[in-house]
Protein backbone atom coordinates (compact mmCIF):
# COMPACT_ATOMS: atom_id res chain seq x y z
CA MET A 1 4.20 36.66 7.27
CA ARG A 2 0.53 35.85 7.01
CA PRO A 3 -1.00 32.55 5.95
CA LYS A 4 -2.20 33.90 2.51
CA VAL A 5 1.15 35.38 1.60
CA LEU A 6 2.85 31.85 2.61
CA LEU A 7 0.30 29.95 0.15
CA SER A 8 0.92 32.30 -2.40
CA MET A 9 4.60 32.02 -2.16
CA ALA A 10 4.31 28.27 -2.05
CA CYS A 11 2.10 28.35 -4.99
CA ALA A 12 4.77 30.75 -7.12
CA ILE A 13 7.48 28.42 -6.26
CA THR A 14 5.52 25.23 -7.26
CA PHE A 15 4.54 26.79 -10.64
CA ALA A 16 7.89 28.07 -11.27
CA ALA A 17 9.46 24.78 -10.42
CA SER A 18 6.95 22.67 -12.57
CA ALA A 19 7.51 25.25 -15.61
CA ASP A 20 11.10 23.90 -15.88
CA GLU A 21 10.09 20.30 -15.95
CA PRO A 22 9.73 18.57 -19.18
CA PRO A 23 6.29 17.53 -20.38
CA ASP A 24 5.38 13.85 -19.93
CA PRO A 25 6.16 11.81 -22.93
CA PRO A 26 3.51 10.61 -24.78
CA ARG A 27 2.20 7.18 -24.17
CA ASP A 28 3.25 5.46 -27.21
CA ALA A 29 7.06 7.03 -26.83
CA PRO A 30 9.70 4.54 -26.63
CA VAL A 31 10.51 3.40 -23.04
CA ALA A 32 14.09 4.03 -21.48
CA PRO A 33 15.45 0.99 -20.00
CA ALA A 34 15.21 2.16 -16.52
CA GLN A 35 11.74 3.29 -16.91
CA ASP A 36 11.02 -0.08 -18.37
CA ALA A 37 12.73 -1.69 -15.15
CA ALA A 38 10.49 0.64 -12.75
CA ARG A 39 7.42 -0.60 -14.83
CA HIS A 40 8.03 -4.13 -14.58
CA ALA A 41 8.62 -3.82 -10.77
CA ARG A 42 5.49 -1.98 -10.46
CA ASP A 43 3.49 -4.73 -12.51
CA LYS A 44 4.36 -7.20 -9.64
CA LEU A 45 1.96 -5.22 -7.52
CA ALA A 46 -0.94 -5.71 -10.06
CA PHE A 47 -2.72 -8.39 -8.26
CA LEU A 48 -3.70 -6.03 -5.22
CA VAL A 49 -5.73 -3.70 -7.80
CA ARG A 50 -9.25 -4.68 -7.20
CA THR A 51 -11.98 -4.33 -4.55
CA TRP A 52 -11.33 -6.66 -1.62
CA THR A 53 -13.21 -8.00 1.40
CA VAL A 54 -12.18 -10.75 3.80
CA GLU A 55 -13.70 -14.18 3.81
CA GLY A 56 -16.20 -14.02 6.72
CA LYS A 57 -16.40 -10.28 6.95
CA GLU A 58 -18.10 -9.62 3.62
CA ASP A 59 -20.75 -7.27 5.29
CA SER A 60 -18.45 -5.45 7.44
CA PHE A 61 -14.77 -4.81 5.52
CA THR A 62 -14.29 -3.51 2.22
CA GLU A 63 -10.64 -2.48 0.67
CA THR A 64 -10.56 -0.77 -2.80
CA CYS A 65 -7.02 -0.39 -4.18
CA ASP A 66 -6.13 1.22 -7.50
CA TRP A 67 -3.26 2.44 -9.41
CA PHE A 68 -2.32 6.10 -8.65
CA HIS A 69 -1.27 8.41 -11.69
CA ASP A 70 0.60 6.30 -14.49
CA ARG A 71 0.64 3.31 -12.50
CA SER A 72 3.11 4.58 -10.08
CA HIS A 73 1.75 3.42 -6.66
CA VAL A 74 -1.09 1.00 -5.38
CA VAL A 75 -3.27 2.99 -3.23
CA CYS A 76 -6.01 0.88 -1.21
CA ASN A 77 -8.85 2.61 0.72
CA SER A 78 -10.39 0.53 3.53
CA GLU A 79 -13.40 0.50 5.65
CA THR A 80 -14.47 -1.63 8.55
CA VAL A 81 -18.05 -0.85 9.71
CA THR A 82 -19.16 -2.39 13.22
CA PRO A 83 -22.24 -1.37 15.07
CA GLU A 84 -19.91 0.59 17.43
CA LYS A 85 -18.00 2.50 15.02
CA THR A 86 -16.74 2.88 11.43
CA SER A 87 -12.93 2.76 10.85
CA LYS A 88 -10.99 3.99 7.72
CA GLY A 89 -7.31 3.51 6.38
CA VAL A 90 -5.39 4.29 3.43
CA SER A 91 -2.54 2.28 2.34
CA VAL A 92 -0.10 2.83 -0.42
CA PHE A 93 2.25 0.31 -2.22
CA SER A 94 5.07 1.68 -3.85
CA TRP A 95 8.48 0.72 -5.89
CA SER A 96 11.07 3.43 -5.69
CA ALA A 97 13.25 3.82 -8.78
CA GLN A 98 15.62 5.82 -6.65
CA THR A 99 16.31 2.96 -4.15
CA GLY A 100 15.14 -0.07 -6.24
CA ARG A 101 13.02 -1.26 -3.20
CA TYR A 102 9.47 -1.92 -2.49
CA ARG A 103 7.91 0.23 0.30
CA TYR A 104 4.46 -0.19 2.25
CA TYR A 105 2.73 2.79 4.01
CA HIS A 106 -0.44 2.75 5.86
CA TYR A 107 -2.43 5.49 7.87
CA GLY A 108 -5.82 4.53 10.01
CA SER A 109 -8.19 6.41 11.22
CA SER A 110 -7.02 5.58 14.95
CA GLY A 111 -3.93 7.46 14.39
CA VAL A 112 -1.88 4.62 13.47
CA ALA A 113 0.67 5.27 10.97
CA ALA A 114 3.16 2.44 9.65
CA ALA A 115 6.00 2.33 6.76
CA MET A 116 7.28 -1.13 6.08
CA ASP A 117 10.13 -2.49 3.69
CA VAL A 118 8.42 -5.11 1.28
CA PHE A 119 10.25 -7.84 -0.74
CA LEU A 120 9.35 -10.05 -3.38
CA THR A 121 9.12 -13.64 -2.59
CA ALA A 122 8.91 -16.67 -4.62
CA GLY A 123 5.10 -16.68 -3.72
CA GLY A 124 4.18 -13.18 -3.30
CA LEU A 125 5.15 -10.25 -1.06
CA MET A 126 6.81 -10.13 2.35
CA ALA A 127 6.62 -6.80 4.43
CA THR A 128 8.81 -6.47 7.72
CA TYR A 129 8.32 -3.88 10.23
CA GLU A 130 9.52 -3.27 13.98
CA ARG A 131 7.45 -1.54 16.66
CA GLU A 132 7.50 -0.70 20.19
CA VAL A 133 4.73 -1.87 22.53
CA GLY A 134 5.61 -0.79 26.13
CA LYS A 135 8.61 -2.14 26.90
CA ASP A 136 8.68 -4.84 24.22
CA LEU A 137 10.10 -4.70 20.76
CA VAL A 138 7.84 -6.54 18.30
CA ARG A 139 9.21 -7.46 14.60
CA GLU A 140 6.42 -8.02 12.23
CA HIS A 141 6.43 -9.92 8.91
CA VAL A 142 3.51 -9.97 6.90
CA TRP A 143 3.17 -12.44 3.96
CA MET A 144 0.89 -11.80 1.07
CA THR A 145 0.66 -14.96 -1.08
CA PRO A 146 -1.74 -14.89 -4.22
CA ARG A 147 -3.72 -17.98 -5.17
CA PRO A 148 -4.70 -18.97 -8.69
CA ASP A 149 -8.20 -18.33 -8.23
CA GLY A 150 -6.97 -14.32 -7.86
CA SER A 151 -7.66 -14.09 -4.23
CA PHE A 152 -4.76 -13.93 -1.62
CA ASP A 153 -3.74 -15.23 1.87
CA PHE A 154 -2.49 -12.60 4.42
CA ARG A 155 -0.38 -13.78 7.55
CA GLU A 156 1.15 -11.90 10.25
CA ASP A 157 3.81 -13.49 12.01
CA ASP A 158 5.47 -11.63 15.11
CA SER A 159 8.74 -11.87 17.15
CA VAL A 160 8.91 -10.28 20.73
CA ASN A 161 12.06 -9.27 22.01
CA GLY A 162 13.91 -11.71 19.70
CA GLY A 163 11.61 -14.60 20.69
CA PRO A 164 10.08 -17.39 18.42
CA TRP A 165 7.87 -16.27 15.59
CA LYS A 166 4.16 -16.72 16.17
CA THR A 167 1.23 -16.45 13.67
CA VAL A 168 -0.98 -13.82 14.91
CA ALA A 169 -3.38 -13.22 12.12
CA GLN A 170 -4.39 -15.47 9.00
CA ILE A 171 -7.12 -13.78 6.57
CA HIS A 172 -8.47 -14.60 3.33
CA TYR A 173 -8.77 -11.79 1.02
CA ILE A 174 -11.33 -12.32 -1.75
CA GLU A 175 -12.53 -10.25 -4.59
CA LYS A 176 -15.93 -8.49 -3.24
CA ARG A 177 -18.89 -8.88 -5.51
CA PRO A 178 -21.60 -6.22 -6.14
CA ARG A 179 -24.78 -7.36 -4.32
CA ALA A 180 -27.33 -9.04 -6.52
CA LYS A 181 -30.14 -6.49 -6.89
């Protein structure tokens, strides 16, 4: 088949599938308990929704996080500008009603892609991830701890091949303010 035919078939299947789906309920409609639990779980991510920079990198780093449709995910777009290059990334924080778990996904312009399990802690969020670096297995914990002023601390701890945990990054995220004219 030619690409145009495949695209037409995909559109026809999509439209046929969406025709069978019920319309979205009105915003003031009663919320089912499962939907209420999902909304409550997603509200735990609300502290992320704003435009950020990193203390000390205000002129080179920006990350804007906003709610995806119907507050279903938090999507963040980041940009780091240096004299040598510009790097971009997109991250998604999600809570899945199907699994009852939080997830984090990140894709960077360097080709990096990562997925992490995310857990609520007494102080914020903790994400965990494993990756291979050469012959080593690196286990990573990322801690995101909100501060009373609305900023948050980001800390990454790594363990290589089951060895001791070491803090490899500590960053203070602050809200990016528009420049005065």
